[in-house]
């Protein structure tokens, strides 16, 4: 996978043009870069967690639907639905 261009390089060059005394623009930019990288990593982890949750919910729904279908088939094959419900309970 190709790496995305680093947007911080352009910003660093732009801000370094304004040589402000006593202000280390490189360290300020580096700190913000680390903040954004940490945020991106946190978002990636949260997204993976959401994917795992959706997968688990899909499995639960599928199993529940299979159980409902099996119960409905049992009720349909027995002559008396009320009798099938008492056996089910």
N, C-alpha and C. Protein backbone atom coordinates (compact mmCIF):
# COMPACT_ATOMS: atom_id res chain seq x y z
N UNK A 1 0.85 -1.17 0.00
CA UNK A 1 0.00 0.00 0.00
C UNK A 1 0.90 1.23 0.00
N UNK A 2 0.55 2.20 -0.80
CA UNK A 2 1.33 3.43 -0.89
C UNK A 2 1.09 4.27 0.36
N UNK A 3 2.15 4.93 0.78
CA UNK A 3 2.01 5.78 1.97
C UNK A 3 1.44 7.12 1.55
N UNK A 4 0.63 7.68 2.41
CA UNK A 4 0.03 8.99 2.14
C UNK A 4 1.08 10.07 2.32
N UNK A 5 0.97 11.14 1.57
CA UNK A 5 1.93 12.24 1.75
C UNK A 5 1.80 12.83 3.14
N UNK A 6 2.91 13.29 3.67
CA UNK A 6 2.94 13.84 5.02
C UNK A 6 2.52 15.31 4.97
N UNK A 7 1.33 15.64 5.51
CA UNK A 7 0.88 17.04 5.46
C UNK A 7 1.68 17.95 6.38
N UNK A 8 2.39 17.37 7.34
CA UNK A 8 3.13 18.17 8.30
C UNK A 8 4.37 18.81 7.69
N UNK A 9 4.90 18.22 6.63
CA UNK A 9 6.08 18.77 5.98
C UNK A 9 5.79 20.16 5.44
N UNK A 10 4.68 20.31 4.73
CA UNK A 10 4.31 21.61 4.16
C UNK A 10 4.05 22.64 5.25
N UNK A 11 3.35 22.24 6.30
CA UNK A 11 3.04 23.16 7.40
C UNK A 11 4.32 23.60 8.10
N UNK A 12 5.22 22.65 8.31
CA UNK A 12 6.48 22.97 8.97
C UNK A 12 7.26 24.00 8.16
N UNK A 13 7.34 23.78 6.86
CA UNK A 13 8.06 24.72 5.99
C UNK A 13 7.41 26.10 6.03
N UNK A 14 6.09 26.13 6.01
CA UNK A 14 5.38 27.40 6.03
C UNK A 14 5.63 28.16 7.33
N UNK A 15 5.52 27.48 8.46
CA UNK A 15 5.68 28.15 9.75
C UNK A 15 7.13 28.53 10.04
N UNK A 16 8.07 27.78 9.51
CA UNK A 16 9.48 28.10 9.74
C UNK A 16 9.90 29.38 9.01
N UNK A 17 9.10 29.82 8.05
CA UNK A 17 9.39 31.08 7.36
C UNK A 17 9.25 32.26 8.31
N UNK A 18 8.41 32.13 9.32
CA UNK A 18 8.16 33.21 10.27
C UNK A 18 9.02 33.01 11.51
N UNK A 19 10.26 33.09 11.38
CA UNK A 19 11.20 32.82 12.46
C UNK A 19 10.89 33.68 13.69
N UNK A 20 10.08 33.14 14.56
CA UNK A 20 9.72 33.84 15.79
C UNK A 20 10.76 33.53 16.86
N UNK A 21 11.29 34.54 17.50
CA UNK A 21 12.32 34.29 18.52
C UNK A 21 11.73 33.55 19.72
N UNK A 22 12.44 32.54 20.17
CA UNK A 22 12.04 31.79 21.35
C UNK A 22 10.94 30.77 21.11
N UNK A 23 10.53 30.60 19.87
CA UNK A 23 9.47 29.63 19.56
C UNK A 23 10.07 28.56 18.66
N UNK A 24 10.05 27.35 19.15
CA UNK A 24 10.57 26.22 18.36
C UNK A 24 9.39 25.60 17.61
N UNK A 25 9.19 26.07 16.39
CA UNK A 25 8.05 25.63 15.60
C UNK A 25 8.14 24.14 15.28
N UNK A 26 9.34 23.63 15.10
CA UNK A 26 9.48 22.21 14.79
C UNK A 26 8.95 21.35 15.92
N UNK A 27 9.27 21.70 17.16
CA UNK A 27 8.79 20.89 18.28
C UNK A 27 7.28 21.04 18.46
N UNK A 28 6.74 22.21 18.19
CA UNK A 28 5.29 22.41 18.27
C UNK A 28 4.58 21.55 17.23
N UNK A 29 5.09 21.58 16.02
CA UNK A 29 4.50 20.79 14.94
C UNK A 29 4.63 19.30 15.26
N UNK A 30 5.78 18.90 15.76
CA UNK A 30 6.00 17.48 16.10
C UNK A 30 5.01 17.02 17.17
N UNK A 31 4.76 17.85 18.16
CA UNK A 31 3.80 17.50 19.22
C UNK A 31 2.40 17.34 18.64
N UNK A 32 2.00 18.23 17.76
CA UNK A 32 0.66 18.13 17.14
C UNK A 32 0.59 16.90 16.24
N UNK A 33 1.68 16.59 15.56
CA UNK A 33 1.71 15.40 14.70
C UNK A 33 1.48 14.16 15.54
N UNK A 34 2.14 14.09 16.69
CA UNK A 34 1.97 12.94 17.57
C UNK A 34 0.54 12.86 18.09
N UNK A 35 -0.08 14.02 18.37
CA UNK A 35 -1.48 14.04 18.81
C UNK A 35 -2.40 13.44 17.75
N UNK A 36 -2.18 13.86 16.51
CA UNK A 36 -3.02 13.38 15.42
C UNK A 36 -2.79 11.90 15.17
N UNK A 37 -1.55 11.45 15.25
CA UNK A 37 -1.27 10.02 15.08
C UNK A 37 -1.94 9.20 16.18
N UNK A 38 -1.92 9.69 17.42
CA UNK A 38 -2.57 8.99 18.52
C UNK A 38 -4.08 8.94 18.31
N UNK A 39 -4.65 10.02 17.83
CA UNK A 39 -6.08 10.05 17.54
C UNK A 39 -6.44 9.07 16.43
N UNK A 40 -5.62 9.02 15.39
CA UNK A 40 -5.86 8.09 14.29
C UNK A 40 -5.78 6.65 14.78
N UNK A 41 -4.83 6.35 15.64
CA UNK A 41 -4.69 5.00 16.19
C UNK A 41 -5.90 4.65 17.07
N UNK A 42 -6.35 5.59 17.87
CA UNK A 42 -7.53 5.36 18.72
C UNK A 42 -8.76 5.10 17.85
N UNK A 43 -8.90 5.85 16.77
CA UNK A 43 -10.03 5.64 15.86
C UNK A 43 -9.95 4.27 15.19
N UNK A 44 -8.75 3.85 14.83
CA UNK A 44 -8.58 2.53 14.21
C UNK A 44 -9.01 1.43 15.18
N UNK A 45 -8.58 1.54 16.43
CA UNK A 45 -8.93 0.55 17.44
C UNK A 45 -10.44 0.54 17.69
N UNK A 46 -11.04 1.72 17.77
CA UNK A 46 -12.49 1.81 17.97
C UNK A 46 -13.24 1.18 16.80
N UNK A 47 -12.77 1.41 15.59
CA UNK A 47 -13.40 0.83 14.40
C UNK A 47 -13.31 -0.69 14.43
N UNK A 48 -12.15 -1.22 14.80
CA UNK A 48 -12.00 -2.67 14.90
C UNK A 48 -12.95 -3.24 15.96
N UNK A 49 -13.11 -2.52 17.06
CA UNK A 49 -14.04 -2.95 18.10
C UNK A 49 -15.47 -2.97 17.60
N UNK A 50 -15.85 -1.95 16.84
CA UNK A 50 -17.20 -1.92 16.28
C UNK A 50 -17.42 -3.06 15.31
N UNK A 51 -16.40 -3.37 14.50
CA UNK A 51 -16.51 -4.49 13.57
C UNK A 51 -16.71 -5.80 14.33
N UNK A 52 -15.97 -6.00 15.41
CA UNK A 52 -16.11 -7.21 16.21
C UNK A 52 -17.50 -7.29 16.83
N UNK A 53 -18.02 -6.17 17.29
CA UNK A 53 -19.36 -6.13 17.88
C UNK A 53 -20.41 -6.49 16.84
N UNK A 54 -20.31 -5.93 15.65
CA UNK A 54 -21.26 -6.24 14.58
C UNK A 54 -21.19 -7.72 14.23
N UNK A 55 -19.99 -8.27 14.16
CA UNK A 55 -19.82 -9.69 13.85
C UNK A 55 -20.52 -10.55 14.90
N UNK A 56 -20.31 -10.24 16.17
CA UNK A 56 -20.92 -11.00 17.27
C UNK A 56 -22.44 -10.88 17.23
N UNK A 57 -22.95 -9.67 17.00
CA UNK A 57 -24.40 -9.49 16.92
C UNK A 57 -24.99 -10.25 15.74
N UNK A 58 -24.27 -10.31 14.63
CA UNK A 58 -24.72 -11.07 13.47
C UNK A 58 -24.79 -12.56 13.81
N UNK A 59 -23.79 -13.06 14.51
CA UNK A 59 -23.80 -14.47 14.92
C UNK A 59 -24.98 -14.76 15.85
N UNK A 60 -25.23 -13.88 16.81
CA UNK A 60 -26.33 -14.07 17.75
C UNK A 60 -27.67 -14.05 17.01
N UNK A 61 -27.84 -13.10 16.10
CA UNK A 61 -29.08 -13.01 15.33
C UNK A 61 -29.29 -14.26 14.49
N UNK A 62 -28.23 -14.72 13.84
CA UNK A 62 -28.32 -15.92 13.01
C UNK A 62 -28.73 -17.13 13.84
N UNK A 63 -28.10 -17.30 14.99
CA UNK A 63 -28.44 -18.43 15.86
C UNK A 63 -29.88 -18.32 16.35
N UNK A 64 -30.30 -17.13 16.73
CA UNK A 64 -31.68 -16.93 17.19
C UNK A 64 -32.68 -17.25 16.09
N UNK A 65 -32.39 -16.82 14.88
CA UNK A 65 -33.30 -17.09 13.76
C UNK A 65 -33.37 -18.59 13.47
N UNK A 66 -32.25 -19.29 13.58
CA UNK A 66 -32.26 -20.74 13.38
C UNK A 66 -33.11 -21.43 14.44
N UNK A 67 -33.00 -20.97 15.68
CA UNK A 67 -33.79 -21.55 16.77
C UNK A 67 -35.28 -21.27 16.57
N UNK A 68 -35.62 -20.06 16.14
CA UNK A 68 -37.02 -19.71 15.88
C UNK A 68 -37.57 -20.57 14.75
N UNK A 69 -36.77 -20.75 13.71
CA UNK A 69 -37.20 -21.56 12.58
C UNK A 69 -37.42 -23.01 13.01
N UNK A 70 -36.51 -23.55 13.81
CA UNK A 70 -36.65 -24.93 14.28
C UNK A 70 -37.90 -25.08 15.14
N UNK A 71 -38.16 -24.12 16.00
CA UNK A 71 -39.35 -24.15 16.86
C UNK A 71 -40.61 -24.07 16.01
N UNK A 72 -40.62 -23.19 15.02
CA UNK A 72 -41.79 -23.05 14.15
C UNK A 72 -42.05 -24.33 13.38
N UNK A 73 -40.99 -24.99 12.93
CA UNK A 73 -41.16 -26.25 12.21
C UNK A 73 -41.72 -27.34 13.12
N UNK A 74 -41.25 -27.38 14.36
CA UNK A 74 -41.78 -28.35 15.32
C UNK A 74 -43.26 -28.10 15.57
N UNK A 75 -43.62 -26.84 15.72
CA UNK A 75 -45.02 -26.50 15.97
C UNK A 75 -45.88 -26.84 14.76
N UNK A 76 -45.34 -26.63 13.56
CA UNK A 76 -46.11 -26.91 12.35
C UNK A 76 -46.32 -28.41 12.14
N UNK A 77 -45.34 -29.21 12.54
CA UNK A 77 -45.46 -30.66 12.33
C UNK A 77 -46.31 -31.34 13.40
N UNK A 78 -46.42 -30.73 14.56
CA UNK A 78 -47.29 -31.32 15.58
C UNK A 78 -48.72 -30.91 15.26
N UNK A 79 -49.65 -31.76 15.56
CA UNK A 79 -51.04 -31.48 15.23
C UNK A 79 -51.62 -30.34 16.03
N UNK A 80 -51.17 -30.14 17.25
CA UNK A 80 -51.77 -29.16 18.14
C UNK A 80 -50.72 -28.13 18.56
N UNK A 81 -50.81 -26.87 18.11
CA UNK A 81 -49.81 -25.86 18.47
C UNK A 81 -49.73 -25.60 19.98
N UNK A 82 -50.85 -25.68 20.67
CA UNK A 82 -50.83 -25.46 22.12
C UNK A 82 -50.02 -26.55 22.81
N UNK A 83 -50.16 -27.76 22.32
CA UNK A 83 -49.39 -28.89 22.89
C UNK A 83 -47.90 -28.70 22.62
N UNK A 84 -47.57 -28.22 21.44
CA UNK A 84 -46.16 -27.99 21.11
C UNK A 84 -45.57 -26.90 22.00
N UNK A 85 -46.36 -25.88 22.31
CA UNK A 85 -45.87 -24.80 23.17
C UNK A 85 -45.62 -25.30 24.59
N UNK A 86 -46.46 -26.19 25.09
CA UNK A 86 -46.24 -26.71 26.45
C UNK A 86 -45.00 -27.58 26.48
N UNK A 87 -44.74 -28.31 25.41
CA UNK A 87 -43.50 -29.11 25.36
C UNK A 87 -42.29 -28.20 25.25
N UNK A 88 -42.44 -27.08 24.57
CA UNK A 88 -41.33 -26.14 24.36
C UNK A 88 -40.94 -25.45 25.67
N UNK A 89 -41.91 -25.09 26.48
CA UNK A 89 -41.69 -24.32 27.71
C UNK A 89 -40.90 -25.07 28.69
